[in-house]
Amino acid sequence: MLTITPIPAFKDNYIWCLSQGESRRALVVDPGQSEQVIQHLAEHDLILDTILITHHHPDHTGGVQALVAALSPERVVGPADSPFTGIDTPVRSGDTLDWHGMSFRVMAVPGHTLDHIAFYSDQKVADRPVLFCGDTLFICGCGRLFEGTPAQMRQSLSKLRDLPDETAVYCTHEYTLANLKFARHWLPDDAALAEFEAECIALRDRHLPTVPGVLGREKRLNPFLRWDDDAVIEAAKAYGAKHQLTVDSADSVLAAVRHGKDQF
C-alpha cells in the first residue's frame, strides 16, 4: 500500500514522504531539512532509498547532504543543469522515473526557477494521480518569478493545467490562506472562492494541512490558472490600467496577476 505523508519543515514547508508499506521503502521530495525526515522515517520504520528534488532553492535542498550522510539513499534525483550540486541522478523533461512499480513522468516547469521540474504519476495514491510540483503551482497561487518570465510560467502552468482534474497537487508550502486572501481581493464576487476560503480556514483552525489540493478545483478557482477566464481578464485589465501594464495576451494576464500578488 502506498501512502503520502507531509513532514512539516521550517515555518510553512512540506517535505513529502511517499512510502510503500510492504517493502518499508520511502521516497522524500524536497527535503529542505534533515532532522524531521530522519525522525519520521525512524518512527514509521521506513528505509529511505530515493530523494526527489524539484529545484535548487535551499529550503528544498538543504537537508540532502545530511540525509545522504546518515541514511545512504540509492539516488538523489533532480533537474539536469541545476545549480544544486547534490544530484547524482539528473533527469530532463520527458524522462521517466520508476520507483517500486510506480512510474513518474518528469515535466520541465521553469518560471519560479529555470531548473524547476515536476514529477507526475497517473498511478493513483489515495485514489488520485500524483503531482509533486514544488513551487510552480500552489493552492490558489503560483511561485514567484525569481528567474523565469511570465511567458515561461504560463507555459509551465499550462502543462500542469492539462493534467487530469482528479490529480492531487502536492505543492511544498502552506501558503493557501495568504493566496486565498489575494484571490478574494482580485475576484471579490467569486462565491466559490469564498466558500473554499471558509473550508481552508476551518482546516487550519484544526491545525490540518490544506495540501494536497485537487487540480480540477484549482482550474476553477486559482486565478493563476485562469488567464482565459473573463473575470480574471477584466480584473487584470483594470489592474494594468492603474499600474501602466499592457494586458493584451494570456501571458500578460498572468503577468498582471503575478504583479498584483507581489504587491499585495
Protein backbone atom coordinates (compact mmCIF):
# COMPACT_ATOMS: atom_id res chain seq x y z
CA MET A 1 0.00 0.00 0.00
CA LEU A 2 1.31 3.43 -0.98
CA THR A 3 0.88 6.44 1.28
CA ILE A 4 1.98 10.08 1.05
CA THR A 5 2.61 11.96 4.28
CA PRO A 6 3.58 15.60 4.87
CA ILE A 7 6.63 16.20 7.04
CA PRO A 8 6.48 19.83 8.25
CA ALA A 9 9.68 21.85 7.95
CA PHE A 10 10.68 25.47 8.61
CA LYS A 11 7.63 27.70 9.09
CA ASP A 12 5.42 26.52 6.24
CA ASN A 13 7.24 23.90 4.11
CA TYR A 14 6.07 20.36 3.48
CA ILE A 15 8.56 17.60 2.74
CA TRP A 16 6.50 14.85 1.12
CA CYS A 17 7.22 11.23 2.05
CA LEU A 18 5.94 8.54 -0.30
CA SER A 19 6.18 5.11 1.30
CA GLN A 20 5.36 1.54 0.40
CA GLY A 21 4.02 -0.48 3.29
CA GLU A 22 5.18 -3.94 2.28
CA SER A 23 8.78 -3.07 1.48
CA ARG A 24 9.06 -0.22 4.04
CA ARG A 25 10.80 1.77 1.30
CA ALA A 26 10.41 5.52 1.24
CA LEU A 27 10.95 8.42 -1.13
CA VAL A 28 11.08 12.05 0.03
CA VAL A 29 10.51 15.17 -2.03
CA ASP A 30 12.41 18.44 -1.50
CA PRO A 31 13.96 17.85 1.92
CA GLY A 32 14.95 21.34 2.99
CA GLN A 33 15.79 19.98 6.44
CA SER A 34 17.01 16.56 7.53
CA GLU A 35 16.20 16.06 11.21
CA GLN A 36 12.44 15.94 10.66
CA VAL A 37 12.86 13.39 7.87
CA ILE A 38 15.15 11.16 9.91
CA GLN A 39 12.71 11.27 12.83
CA HIS A 40 9.71 10.47 10.61
CA LEU A 41 11.46 7.53 8.97
CA ALA A 42 12.52 6.12 12.34
CA GLU A 43 9.04 6.49 13.84
CA HIS A 44 7.46 4.65 10.91
CA ASP A 45 10.24 2.10 10.40
CA LEU A 46 10.93 3.24 6.84
CA ILE A 47 14.05 2.93 4.69
CA LEU A 48 14.91 5.95 2.56
CA ASP A 49 16.07 4.93 -0.91
CA THR A 50 15.22 7.93 -3.11
CA ILE A 51 15.23 11.72 -2.81
CA LEU A 52 13.44 13.85 -5.41
CA ILE A 53 14.41 17.48 -5.97
CA THR A 54 12.19 19.87 -7.93
CA HIS A 55 14.54 22.89 -7.93
CA HIS A 56 17.67 24.26 -6.34
CA HIS A 57 16.39 26.60 -3.61
CA PRO A 58 17.90 25.85 -0.18
CA ASP A 59 14.54 25.29 1.53
CA HIS A 60 14.12 22.34 -0.86
CA THR A 61 17.67 21.00 -0.85
CA GLY A 62 19.22 21.99 2.47
CA GLY A 63 18.73 18.58 4.10
CA VAL A 64 20.06 16.46 1.25
CA GLN A 65 23.70 16.29 2.30
CA ALA A 66 22.85 15.24 5.86
CA LEU A 67 20.33 12.64 4.66
CA VAL A 68 22.86 11.14 2.25
CA ALA A 69 25.48 11.01 5.00
CA ALA A 70 23.14 9.49 7.59
CA LEU A 71 20.95 7.15 5.50
CA SER A 72 22.81 6.46 2.24
CA PRO A 73 19.84 6.56 -0.14
CA GLU A 74 20.38 4.92 -3.51
CA ARG A 75 19.85 8.10 -5.52
CA VAL A 76 19.17 11.81 -5.42
CA VAL A 77 17.05 12.64 -8.47
CA GLY A 78 16.73 16.19 -9.71
CA PRO A 79 16.89 18.55 -12.67
CA ALA A 80 19.84 18.32 -15.04
CA ASP A 81 21.85 21.54 -15.31
CA SER A 82 20.77 22.63 -11.84
CA PRO A 83 22.87 24.93 -9.65
CA PHE A 84 22.38 22.38 -6.86
CA THR A 85 25.35 20.02 -6.97
CA GLY A 86 23.98 17.23 -4.77
CA ILE A 87 22.08 15.47 -7.57
CA ASP A 88 23.53 12.13 -8.69
CA THR A 89 20.65 11.11 -10.99
CA PRO A 90 19.87 14.07 -13.28
CA VAL A 91 16.63 13.98 -15.26
CA ARG A 92 15.10 16.08 -18.02
CA SER A 93 11.65 16.76 -19.35
CA GLY A 94 10.10 13.62 -20.79
CA ASP A 95 12.22 11.23 -18.75
CA THR A 96 10.52 8.50 -16.76
CA LEU A 97 11.38 7.71 -13.16
CA ASP A 98 10.46 4.29 -11.79
CA TRP A 99 10.08 3.66 -8.08
CA HIS A 100 8.97 0.22 -6.87
CA GLY A 101 6.38 -0.24 -9.59
CA MET A 102 5.29 3.40 -9.64
CA SER A 103 6.21 5.47 -12.69
CA PHE A 104 6.68 9.25 -12.74
CA ARG A 105 6.89 11.47 -15.79
CA VAL A 106 9.35 14.33 -15.48
CA MET A 107 8.00 17.70 -16.61
CA ALA A 108 10.05 20.86 -17.15
CA VAL A 109 8.19 23.74 -15.48
CA PRO A 110 10.52 26.79 -15.47
CA GLY A 111 9.34 30.11 -14.12
CA HIS A 112 9.94 30.12 -10.38
CA THR A 113 13.46 28.94 -11.24
CA LEU A 114 14.90 27.93 -14.59
CA ASP A 115 15.79 24.41 -13.43
CA HIS A 116 12.34 23.65 -11.98
CA ILE A 117 10.80 20.28 -12.76
CA ALA A 118 7.68 18.42 -11.59
CA PHE A 119 7.00 14.71 -11.17
CA TYR A 120 3.63 13.32 -12.30
CA SER A 121 2.25 9.80 -11.99
CA ASP A 122 -1.09 8.57 -13.27
CA GLN A 123 -0.83 5.65 -10.85
CA LYS A 124 -3.13 6.52 -8.00
CA VAL A 125 -2.28 7.05 -4.35
CA ALA A 126 -5.30 7.63 -2.10
CA ASP A 127 -7.43 7.25 -5.25
CA ARG A 128 -5.79 10.14 -7.11
CA PRO A 129 -2.96 10.60 -9.64
CA VAL A 130 0.04 12.30 -8.04
CA LEU A 131 1.74 15.60 -8.89
CA PHE A 132 4.81 16.76 -6.99
CA CYS A 133 5.06 20.32 -8.29
CA GLY A 134 7.44 22.06 -5.87
CA ASP A 135 6.93 25.83 -6.01
CA THR A 136 5.42 26.09 -9.50
CA LEU A 137 1.78 25.66 -8.51
CA PHE A 138 0.35 26.37 -5.06
CA ILE A 139 -3.19 26.02 -3.81
CA CYS A 140 -4.82 29.14 -5.32
CA GLY A 141 -1.39 30.54 -6.18
CA CYS A 142 1.86 30.05 -8.05
CA GLY A 143 5.53 30.62 -7.30
CA ARG A 144 7.24 33.97 -7.56
CA LEU A 145 9.17 34.55 -10.77
CA PHE A 146 12.68 34.62 -9.35
CA GLU A 147 14.38 33.50 -12.58
CA GLY A 148 11.83 32.96 -15.33
CA THR A 149 9.40 35.13 -17.28
CA PRO A 150 5.59 35.31 -17.15
CA ALA A 151 5.51 33.55 -20.52
CA GLN A 152 7.62 30.69 -19.19
CA MET A 153 5.49 30.38 -16.09
CA ARG A 154 2.24 30.39 -18.04
CA GLN A 155 3.57 27.69 -20.34
CA SER A 156 4.59 25.64 -17.31
CA LEU A 157 1.25 26.14 -15.60
CA SER A 158 -0.49 25.22 -18.86
CA LYS A 159 1.29 21.86 -18.82
CA LEU A 160 0.00 21.25 -15.30
CA ARG A 161 -3.49 22.51 -16.17
CA ASP A 162 -3.67 19.87 -18.90
CA LEU A 163 -3.34 17.05 -16.37
CA PRO A 164 -6.48 15.20 -15.23
CA ASP A 165 -8.87 17.03 -12.92
CA GLU A 166 -8.63 14.36 -10.23
CA THR A 167 -4.87 14.85 -9.83
CA ALA A 168 -3.70 15.54 -6.27
CA VAL A 169 -1.49 18.63 -6.12
CA TYR A 170 1.38 18.08 -3.68
CA CYS A 171 2.99 21.52 -3.53
CA THR A 172 5.59 22.33 -0.93
CA HIS A 173 4.28 25.31 1.04
CA GLU A 174 1.28 26.04 3.24
CA TYR A 175 0.55 29.34 1.52
CA THR A 176 -3.13 28.66 0.90
CA LEU A 177 -4.77 31.22 3.20
CA ALA A 178 -2.48 34.02 2.02
CA ASN A 179 -3.14 33.03 -1.60
CA LEU A 180 -6.87 32.96 -1.00
CA LYS A 181 -6.79 36.37 0.64
CA PHE A 182 -5.27 37.76 -2.53
CA ALA A 183 -7.58 35.76 -4.83
CA ARG A 184 -10.63 37.07 -2.95
CA HIS A 185 -9.26 40.61 -3.30
CA TRP A 186 -8.72 40.08 -7.04
CA LEU A 187 -12.12 38.42 -7.56
CA PRO A 188 -14.34 39.68 -4.73
CA ASP A 189 -17.56 38.44 -6.34
CA ASP A 190 -16.40 34.84 -6.78
CA ALA A 191 -18.69 32.89 -4.44
CA ALA A 192 -16.84 29.60 -4.99
CA LEU A 193 -13.59 31.22 -3.85
CA ALA A 194 -15.31 32.49 -0.70
CA GLU A 195 -16.67 29.03 0.04
CA PHE A 196 -13.26 27.42 -0.47
CA GLU A 197 -11.61 30.02 1.74
CA ALA A 198 -14.01 29.13 4.55
CA GLU A 199 -13.17 25.44 4.13
CA CYS A 200 -9.43 26.14 4.31
CA ILE A 201 -9.76 28.39 7.35
CA ALA A 202 -11.60 25.58 9.12
CA LEU A 203 -8.79 23.15 8.27
CA ARG A 204 -6.07 25.48 9.52
CA ASP A 205 -8.06 26.23 12.70
CA ARG A 206 -7.77 22.48 13.39
CA HIS A 207 -4.06 22.57 12.53
CA LEU A 208 -4.64 20.43 9.44
CA PRO A 209 -2.90 20.99 6.08
CA THR A 210 -4.79 22.39 3.11
CA VAL A 211 -2.44 20.42 0.85
CA PRO A 212 -2.75 18.34 -1.27
CA GLY A 213 -5.17 20.24 -3.41
CA VAL A 214 -7.23 18.84 -6.27
CA LEU A 215 -6.29 20.06 -9.74
CA GLY A 216 -9.86 20.30 -11.02
CA ARG A 217 -10.71 22.72 -8.24
CA GLU A 218 -7.53 24.69 -8.93
CA LYS A 219 -8.58 25.06 -12.56
CA ARG A 220 -11.89 26.54 -11.40
CA LEU A 221 -10.61 28.77 -8.59
CA ASN A 222 -6.90 29.57 -8.89
CA PRO A 223 -6.52 32.96 -10.65
CA PHE A 224 -3.05 31.92 -11.88
CA LEU A 225 -4.66 29.10 -13.90
CA ARG A 226 -7.49 31.27 -15.25
CA TRP A 227 -5.69 33.52 -17.76
CA ASP A 228 -8.50 32.79 -20.25
CA ASP A 229 -11.33 33.41 -17.75
CA ASP A 230 -13.32 36.59 -18.45
CA ALA A 231 -13.46 37.63 -14.81
CA VAL A 232 -9.69 37.30 -14.36
CA ILE A 233 -9.01 39.07 -17.67
CA GLU A 234 -11.21 42.03 -16.72
CA ALA A 235 -9.57 42.29 -13.30
CA ALA A 236 -6.13 42.11 -14.95
CA LYS A 237 -7.02 44.89 -17.40
CA ALA A 238 -8.31 47.09 -14.60
CA TYR A 239 -5.16 46.45 -12.59
CA GLY A 240 -2.97 47.06 -15.63
CA ALA A 241 -4.63 50.40 -16.32
CA LYS A 242 -3.76 51.56 -12.78
CA HIS A 243 -0.18 50.32 -12.91
CA GLN A 244 0.77 51.12 -16.51
CA LEU A 245 0.87 47.45 -17.54
CA THR A 246 -0.22 46.33 -21.00
CA VAL A 247 -2.71 43.49 -20.74
CA ASP A 248 -3.43 42.14 -24.21
CA SER A 249 -2.50 38.45 -24.14
CA ALA A 250 -2.68 35.36 -21.94
CA ASP A 251 0.93 35.89 -20.86
CA SER A 252 0.25 39.49 -19.89
CA VAL A 253 -2.84 38.47 -17.91
CA LEU A 254 -0.69 36.11 -15.86
CA ALA A 255 1.97 38.81 -15.54
CA ALA A 256 -0.61 41.25 -14.17
CA VAL A 257 -1.95 38.73 -11.66
CA ARG A 258 1.58 37.90 -10.53
CA HIS A 259 2.44 41.59 -10.24
CA GLY A 260 -0.70 42.11 -8.21
CA LYS A 261 0.16 39.29 -5.82
CA ASP A 262 3.74 40.53 -5.44
CA GLN A 263 2.45 43.97 -4.47
CA PHE A 264 -0.43 42.74 -2.31
